[in-house]
PDB file of N, CA and C in Angstrom:
ATOM      1  N   MET A   1      -1.555 -14.098  14.392  1.00  0.00           N
ATOM      2  CA  MET A   1      -0.845 -12.836  14.306  1.00  0.00           C
ATOM      3  C   MET A   1      -0.757 -12.311  12.869  1.00  0.00           C
ATOM      4  N   ARG A   2      -0.959 -13.161  11.912  1.00  0.00           N
ATOM      5  CA  ARG A   2      -0.837 -12.743  10.521  1.00  0.00           C
ATOM      6  C   ARG A   2      -1.880 -11.688  10.158  1.00  0.00           C
ATOM      7  N   GLY A   3      -3.062 -11.790  10.734  1.00  0.00           N
ATOM      8  CA  GLY A   3      -4.128 -10.854  10.411  1.00  0.00           C
ATOM      9  C   GLY A   3      -3.801  -9.435  10.816  1.00  0.00           C
ATOM     10  N   SER A   4      -3.067  -9.257  11.904  1.00  0.00           N
ATOM     11  CA  SER A   4      -2.757  -7.901  12.354  1.00  0.00           C
ATOM     12  C   SER A   4      -1.803  -7.200  11.384  1.00  0.00           C
ATOM     13  N   GLY A   5      -0.916  -7.948  10.744  1.00  0.00           N
ATOM     14  CA  GLY A   5      -0.024  -7.354   9.752  1.00  0.00           C
ATOM     15  C   GLY A   5      -0.781  -6.860   8.533  1.00  0.00           C
ATOM     16  N   ILE A   6      -1.760  -7.627   8.119  1.00  0.00           N
ATOM     17  CA  ILE A   6      -2.599  -7.232   6.981  1.00  0.00           C
ATOM     18  C   ILE A   6      -3.376  -5.972   7.326  1.00  0.00           C
ATOM     19  N   LEU A   7      -3.917  -5.939   8.542  1.00  0.00           N
ATOM     20  CA  LEU A   7      -4.671  -4.755   8.958  1.00  0.00           C
ATOM     21  C   LEU A   7      -3.784  -3.519   8.985  1.00  0.00           C
ATOM     22  N   LEU A   8      -2.559  -3.661   9.449  1.00  0.00           N
ATOM     23  CA  LEU A   8      -1.628  -2.534   9.460  1.00  0.00           C
ATOM     24  C   LEU A   8      -1.325  -2.065   8.041  1.00  0.00           C
ATOM     25  N   ALA A   9      -1.115  -3.003   7.136  1.00  0.00           N
ATOM     26  CA  ALA A   9      -0.824  -2.640   5.743  1.00  0.00           C
ATOM     27  C   ALA A   9      -2.005  -1.918   5.111  1.00  0.00           C
ATOM     28  N   ILE A  10      -3.211  -2.404   5.364  1.00  0.00           N
ATOM     29  CA  ILE A  10      -4.407  -1.747   4.819  1.00  0.00           C
ATOM     30  C   ILE A  10      -4.540  -0.349   5.391  1.00  0.00           C
ATOM     31  N   TRP A  11      -4.306  -0.214   6.691  1.00  0.00           N
ATOM     32  CA  TRP A  11      -4.402   1.095   7.340  1.00  0.00           C
ATOM     33  C   TRP A  11      -3.364   2.066   6.762  1.00  0.00           C
ATOM     34  N   LEU A  12      -2.137   1.591   6.533  1.00  0.00           N
ATOM     35  CA  LEU A  12      -1.097   2.445   5.947  1.00  0.00           C
ATOM     36  C   LEU A  12      -1.466   2.882   4.527  1.00  0.00           C
ATOM     37  N   MET A  13      -1.961   1.947   3.728  1.00  0.00           N
ATOM     38  CA  MET A  13      -2.323   2.303   2.359  1.00  0.00           C
ATOM     39  C   MET A  13      -3.527   3.242   2.320  1.00  0.00           C
ATOM     40  N   LYS A  14      -4.493   3.025   3.203  1.00  0.00           N
ATOM     41  CA  LYS A  14      -5.645   3.919   3.251  1.00  0.00           C
ATOM     42  C   LYS A  14      -5.213   5.326   3.638  1.00  0.00           C
ATOM     43  N   ALA A  15      -4.328   5.433   4.630  1.00  0.00           N
ATOM     44  CA  ALA A  15      -3.839   6.745   5.048  1.00  0.00           C
ATOM     45  C   ALA A  15      -3.067   7.429   3.917  1.00  0.00           C
ATOM     46  N   ALA A  16      -2.291   6.666   3.177  1.00  0.00           N
ATOM     47  CA  ALA A  16      -1.526   7.246   2.068  1.00  0.00           C
ATOM     48  C   ALA A  16      -2.455   7.739   0.959  1.00  0.00           C
ATOM     49  N   ILE A  17      -3.474   6.961   0.642  1.00  0.00           N
ATOM     50  CA  ILE A  17      -4.398   7.350  -0.424  1.00  0.00           C
ATOM     51  C   ILE A  17      -5.279   8.508   0.028  1.00  0.00           C
ATOM     52  N   ASP A  18      -5.704   8.495   1.295  1.00  0.00           N
ATOM     53  CA  ASP A  18      -6.509   9.602   1.809  1.00  0.00           C
ATOM     54  C   ASP A  18      -5.700  10.893   1.900  1.00  0.00           C
ATOM     55  N   GLY A  19      -4.378  10.784   1.932  1.00  0.00           N
ATOM     56  CA  GLY A  19      -3.520  11.959   2.005  1.00  0.00           C
ATOM     57  C   GLY A  19      -3.402  12.718   0.690  1.00  0.00           C
ATOM     58  N   VAL A  20      -3.840  12.111  -0.396  1.00  0.00           N
ATOM     59  CA  VAL A  20      -3.816  12.782  -1.699  1.00  0.00           C
ATOM     60  C   VAL A  20      -4.953  13.797  -1.713  1.00  0.00           C
ATOM     61  N   PRO A  21      -4.644  15.054  -1.977  1.00  0.00           N
ATOM     62  CA  PRO A  21      -5.705  16.072  -1.974  1.00  0.00           C
ATOM     63  C   PRO A  21      -6.791  15.795  -3.014  1.00  0.00           C
ATOM     64  N   ARG A  22      -8.010  15.915  -2.577  1.00  0.00           N
ATOM     65  CA  ARG A  22      -9.152  15.679  -3.463  1.00  0.00           C
ATOM     66  C   ARG A  22      -9.163  16.686  -4.619  1.00  0.00           C
ATOM     67  N   SER A  23      -8.640  17.886  -4.370  1.00  0.00           N
ATOM     68  CA  SER A  23      -8.629  18.910  -5.417  1.00  0.00           C
ATOM     69  C   SER A  23      -7.772  18.482  -6.616  1.00  0.00           C
ATOM     70  N   LEU A  24      -6.698  17.724  -6.369  1.00  0.00           N
ATOM     71  CA  LEU A  24      -5.882  17.241  -7.488  1.00  0.00           C
ATOM     72  C   LEU A  24      -6.660  16.236  -8.333  1.00  0.00           C
ATOM     73  N   GLU A  25      -7.406  15.371  -7.664  1.00  0.00           N
ATOM     74  CA  GLU A  25      -8.214  14.398  -8.401  1.00  0.00           C
ATOM     75  C   GLU A  25      -9.315  15.096  -9.190  1.00  0.00           C
ATOM     76  N   GLN A  26      -9.959  16.101  -8.590  1.00  0.00           N
ATOM     77  CA  GLN A  26     -11.005  16.837  -9.288  1.00  0.00           C
ATOM     78  C   GLN A  26     -10.429  17.616 -10.471  1.00  0.00           C
ATOM     79  N   SER A  27      -9.234  18.161 -10.310  1.00  0.00           N
ATOM     80  CA  SER A  27      -8.592  18.880 -11.413  1.00  0.00           C
ATOM     81  C   SER A  27      -8.301  17.944 -12.577  1.00  0.00           C
ATOM     82  N   ALA A  28      -7.840  16.746 -12.255  1.00  0.00           N
ATOM     83  CA  ALA A  28      -7.567  15.775 -13.315  1.00  0.00           C
ATOM     84  C   ALA A  28      -8.855  15.389 -14.037  1.00  0.00           C
ATOM     85  N   LEU A  29      -9.943  15.252 -13.306  1.00  0.00           N
ATOM     86  CA  LEU A  29     -11.224  14.944 -13.943  1.00  0.00           C
ATOM     87  C   LEU A  29     -11.668  16.088 -14.858  1.00  0.00           C
ATOM     88  N   LEU A  30     -11.441  17.329 -14.421  1.00  0.00           N
ATOM     89  CA  LEU A  30     -11.795  18.476 -15.266  1.00  0.00           C
ATOM     90  C   LEU A  30     -10.933  18.543 -16.524  1.00  0.00           C
ATOM     91  N   ASP A  31      -9.692  18.046 -16.415  1.00  0.00           N
ATOM     92  CA  ASP A  31      -8.800  18.039 -17.572  1.00  0.00           C
ATOM     93  C   ASP A  31      -9.126  16.929 -18.558  1.00  0.00           C
ATOM     94  N   GLY A  32     -10.112  16.086 -18.228  1.00  0.00           N
ATOM     95  CA  GLY A  32     -10.543  15.067 -19.166  1.00  0.00           C
ATOM     96  C   GLY A  32     -10.065  13.662 -18.849  1.00  0.00           C
ATOM     97  N   PHE A  33      -9.448  13.456 -17.707  1.00  0.00           N
ATOM     98  CA  PHE A  33      -9.023  12.115 -17.342  1.00  0.00           C
ATOM     99  C   PHE A  33     -10.236  11.285 -16.948  1.00  0.00           C
ATOM    100  N   SER A  34     -10.194  10.002 -17.263  1.00  0.00           N
ATOM    101  CA  SER A  34     -11.226   9.091 -16.777  1.00  0.00           C
ATOM    102  C   SER A  34     -10.915   8.757 -15.312  1.00  0.00           C
ATOM    103  N   PRO A  35     -11.878   8.230 -14.571  1.00  0.00           N
ATOM    104  CA  PRO A  35     -11.592   7.862 -13.183  1.00  0.00           C
ATOM    105  C   PRO A  35     -10.415   6.887 -13.057  1.00  0.00           C
ATOM    106  N   TRP A  36     -10.278   5.985 -14.011  1.00  0.00           N
ATOM    107  CA  TRP A  36      -9.159   5.040 -13.994  1.00  0.00           C
ATOM    108  C   TRP A  36      -7.830   5.783 -14.190  1.00  0.00           C
ATOM    109  N   GLN A  37      -7.805   6.737 -15.108  1.00  0.00           N
ATOM    110  CA  GLN A  37      -6.591   7.521 -15.339  1.00  0.00           C
ATOM    111  C   GLN A  37      -6.253   8.372 -14.123  1.00  0.00           C
ATOM    112  N   VAL A  38      -7.254   8.902 -13.458  1.00  0.00           N
ATOM    113  CA  VAL A  38      -7.013   9.684 -12.241  1.00  0.00           C
ATOM    114  C   VAL A  38      -6.337   8.799 -11.200  1.00  0.00           C
ATOM    115  N   ALA A  39      -6.835   7.584 -11.050  1.00  0.00           N
ATOM    116  CA  ALA A  39      -6.248   6.671 -10.067  1.00  0.00           C
ATOM    117  C   ALA A  39      -4.803   6.325 -10.429  1.00  0.00           C
ATOM    118  N   MET A  40      -4.563   6.005 -11.701  1.00  0.00           N
ATOM    119  CA  MET A  40      -3.244   5.528 -12.102  1.00  0.00           C
ATOM    120  C   MET A  40      -2.217   6.652 -12.295  1.00  0.00           C
ATOM    121  N   ARG A  41      -2.660   7.833 -12.713  1.00  0.00           N
ATOM    122  CA  ARG A  41      -1.711   8.910 -13.015  1.00  0.00           C
ATOM    123  C   ARG A  41      -1.585   9.957 -11.923  1.00  0.00           C
ATOM    124  N   VAL A  42      -2.539   9.997 -10.983  1.00  0.00           N
ATOM    125  CA  VAL A  42      -2.499  11.008  -9.930  1.00  0.00           C
ATOM    126  C   VAL A  42      -2.403  10.358  -8.554  1.00  0.00           C
ATOM    127  N   THR A  43      -3.373   9.522  -8.229  1.00  0.00           N
ATOM    128  CA  THR A  43      -3.473   8.996  -6.866  1.00  0.00           C
ATOM    129  C   THR A  43      -2.349   8.024  -6.541  1.00  0.00           C
ATOM    130  N   VAL A  44      -2.127   7.031  -7.378  1.00  0.00           N
ATOM    131  CA  VAL A  44      -1.109   6.015  -7.076  1.00  0.00           C
ATOM    132  C   VAL A  44       0.295   6.613  -7.010  1.00  0.00           C
ATOM    133  N   PRO A  45       0.724   7.457  -7.945  1.00  0.00           N
ATOM    134  CA  PRO A  45       2.066   8.017  -7.806  1.00  0.00           C
ATOM    135  C   PRO A  45       2.265   8.867  -6.539  1.00  0.00           C
ATOM    136  N   LEU A  46       1.228   9.609  -6.147  1.00  0.00           N
ATOM    137  CA  LEU A  46       1.358  10.419  -4.943  1.00  0.00           C
ATOM    138  C   LEU A  46       1.307   9.579  -3.667  1.00  0.00           C
ATOM    139  N   ALA A  47       0.669   8.427  -3.725  1.00  0.00           N
ATOM    140  CA  ALA A  47       0.575   7.543  -2.560  1.00  0.00           C
ATOM    141  C   ALA A  47       1.618   6.434  -2.607  1.00  0.00           C
ATOM    142  N   ALA A  48       2.549   6.491  -3.531  1.00  0.00           N
ATOM    143  CA  ALA A  48       3.512   5.404  -3.730  1.00  0.00           C
ATOM    144  C   ALA A  48       4.377   5.148  -2.500  1.00  0.00           C
ATOM    145  N   SER A  49       4.740   6.176  -1.767  1.00  0.00           N
ATOM    146  CA  SER A  49       5.596   5.957  -0.599  1.00  0.00           C
ATOM    147  C   SER A  49       4.859   5.155   0.477  1.00  0.00           C
ATOM    148  N   GLY A  50       3.592   5.437   0.701  1.00  0.00           N
ATOM    149  CA  GLY A  50       2.812   4.670   1.661  1.00  0.00           C
ATOM    150  C   GLY A  50       2.576   3.246   1.212  1.00  0.00           C
ATOM    151  N   ILE A  51       2.344   3.064  -0.077  1.00  0.00           N
ATOM    152  CA  ILE A  51       2.144   1.726  -0.622  1.00  0.00           C
ATOM    153  C   ILE A  51       3.439   0.925  -0.511  1.00  0.00           C
ATOM    154  N   ALA A  52       4.568   1.564  -0.783  1.00  0.00           N
ATOM    155  CA  ALA A  52       5.861   0.889  -0.664  1.00  0.00           C
ATOM    156  C   ALA A  52       6.164   0.515   0.790  1.00  0.00           C
ATOM    157  N   ALA A  53       5.825   1.384   1.720  1.00  0.00           N
ATOM    158  CA  ALA A  53       6.045   1.077   3.138  1.00  0.00           C
ATOM    159  C   ALA A  53       5.214  -0.119   3.569  1.00  0.00           C
ATOM    160  N   ALA A  54       3.971  -0.179   3.145  1.00  0.00           N
ATOM    161  CA  ALA A  54       3.111  -1.323   3.470  1.00  0.00           C
ATOM    162  C   ALA A  54       3.667  -2.605   2.850  1.00  0.00           C
ATOM    163  N   PHE A  55       4.147  -2.512   1.617  1.00  0.00           N
ATOM    164  CA  PHE A  55       4.733  -3.678   0.959  1.00  0.00           C
ATOM    165  C   PHE A  55       5.962  -4.173   1.708  1.00  0.00           C
ATOM    166  N   LEU A  56       6.839  -3.256   2.094  1.00  0.00           N
ATOM    167  CA  LEU A  56       8.058  -3.659   2.790  1.00  0.00           C
ATOM    168  C   LEU A  56       7.766  -4.283   4.148  1.00  0.00           C
ATOM    169  N   LEU A  57       6.802  -3.736   4.881  1.00  0.00           N
ATOM    170  CA  LEU A  57       6.433  -4.326   6.163  1.00  0.00           C
ATOM    171  C   LEU A  57       5.881  -5.733   5.984  1.00  0.00           C
ATOM    172  N   GLU A  58       5.029  -5.925   4.998  1.00  0.00           N
ATOM    173  CA  GLU A  58       4.460  -7.251   4.753  1.00  0.00           C
ATOM    174  C   GLU A  58       5.518  -8.230   4.247  1.00  0.00           C
ATOM    175  N   PHE A  59       6.426  -7.754   3.416  1.00  0.00           N
ATOM    176  CA  PHE A  59       7.499  -8.619   2.918  1.00  0.00           C
ATOM    177  C   PHE A  59       8.403  -9.059   4.057  1.00  0.00           C
ATOM    178  N   ALA A  60       8.765  -8.125   4.940  1.00  0.00           N
ATOM    179  CA  ALA A  60       9.614  -8.471   6.077  1.00  0.00           C
ATOM    180  C   ALA A  60       8.911  -9.459   7.002  1.00  0.00           C
ATOM    181  N   SER A  61       7.622  -9.280   7.201  1.00  0.00           N
ATOM    182  CA  SER A  61       6.867 -10.194   8.049  1.00  0.00           C
ATOM    183  C   SER A  61       6.809 -11.591   7.433  1.00  0.00           C
ATOM    184  N   ALA A  62       6.567 -11.681   6.160  1.00  0.00           N
ATOM    185  CA  ALA A  62       6.507 -12.979   5.484  1.00  0.00           C
ATOM    186  C   ALA A  62       7.876 -13.656   5.500  1.00  0.00           C
ATOM    187  N   TRP A  63       8.929 -12.882   5.288  1.00  0.00           N
ATOM    188  CA  TRP A  63      10.288 -13.427   5.303  1.00  0.00           C
ATOM    189  C   TRP A  63      10.632 -13.964   6.689  1.00  0.00           C
ATOM    190  N   LYS A  64      10.250 -13.229   7.729  1.00  0.00           N
ATOM    191  CA  LYS A  64      10.497 -13.668   9.101  1.00  0.00           C
ATOM    192  C   LYS A  64       9.760 -14.974   9.384  1.00  0.00           C
ATOM    193  N   GLN A  65       8.527 -15.072   8.936  1.00  0.00           N
ATOM    194  CA  GLN A  65       7.756 -16.296   9.154  1.00  0.00           C
ATOM    195  C   GLN A  65       8.371 -17.475   8.401  1.00  0.00           C
ATOM    196  N   LEU A  66       8.873 -17.229   7.205  1.00  0.00           N
ATOM    197  CA  LEU A  66       9.520 -18.288   6.440  1.00  0.00           C
ATOM    198  C   LEU A  66      10.772 -18.772   7.147  1.00  0.00           C
ATOM    199  N   LEU A  67      11.624 -17.856   7.570  1.00  0.00           N
ATOM    200  CA  LEU A  67      12.866 -18.244   8.242  1.00  0.00           C
ATOM    201  C   LEU A  67      12.589 -18.958   9.559  1.00  0.00           C
ATOM    202  N   THR A  68      11.573 -18.506  10.286  1.00  0.00           N
ATOM    203  CA  THR A  68      11.224 -19.153  11.541  1.00  0.00           C
ATOM    204  C   THR A  68      10.749 -20.577  11.301  1.00  0.00           C
ATOM    205  N   SER A  69       9.896 -20.772  10.317  1.00  0.00           N
ATOM    206  CA  SER A  69       9.404 -22.126  10.036  1.00  0.00           C
ATOM    207  C   SER A  69      10.524 -23.026   9.519  1.00  0.00           C
ATOM    208  N   LEU A  70      11.434 -22.491   8.729  1.00  0.00           N
ATOM    209  CA  LEU A  70      12.557 -23.299   8.261  1.00  0.00           C
ATOM    210  C   LEU A  70      13.483 -23.682   9.408  1.00  0.00           C
ATOM    211  N   ALA A  71      13.727 -22.753  10.316  1.00  0.00           N
ATOM    212  CA  ALA A  71      14.609 -23.040  11.448  1.00  0.00           C
ATOM    213  C   ALA A  71      13.984 -24.075  12.377  1.00  0.00           C
ATOM    214  N   LEU A  72      12.682 -23.994  12.585  1.00  0.00           N
ATOM    215  CA  LEU A  72      12.027 -24.934  13.493  1.00  0.00           C
ATOM    216  C   LEU A  72      11.811 -26.300  12.857  1.00  0.00           C
ATOM    217  N   SER A  73      11.734 -26.370  11.551  1.00  0.00           N
ATOM    218  CA  SER A  73      11.480 -27.652  10.889  1.00  0.00           C
ATOM    219  C   SER A  73      12.752 -28.500  10.781  1.00  0.00           C
ATOM    220  N   GLU A  74      13.923 -27.917  10.953  1.00  0.00           N
ATOM    221  CA  GLU A  74      15.177 -28.643  10.824  1.00  0.00           C
ATOM    222  C   GLU A  74      15.505 -29.473  12.045  1.00  0.00           C
ATOM    223  N   GLN A  75      14.798 -29.308  13.138  1.00  0.00           N
ATOM    224  CA  GLN A  75      15.134 -30.040  14.360  1.00  0.00           C
ATOM    225  C   GLN A  75      14.660 -31.440  14.346  1.00  0.00           C
TER     226      GLN A  75
END
């Protein structure tokens, strides 16, 4: 079941990054930004909510698995 959580997180992050308008990235390139600067100063900040949602879902899943294994190992 762990693989499905990873797939969901990847899908959420891809959707968030694809949601950033290409015109903003092209404008940043015209303004002289390098591709790395475009990613760090334009794409990531605009996709931060999707990235945070994927992180929180994965963190909650990992925490649940930890608590479950701890509860079952005490018997």
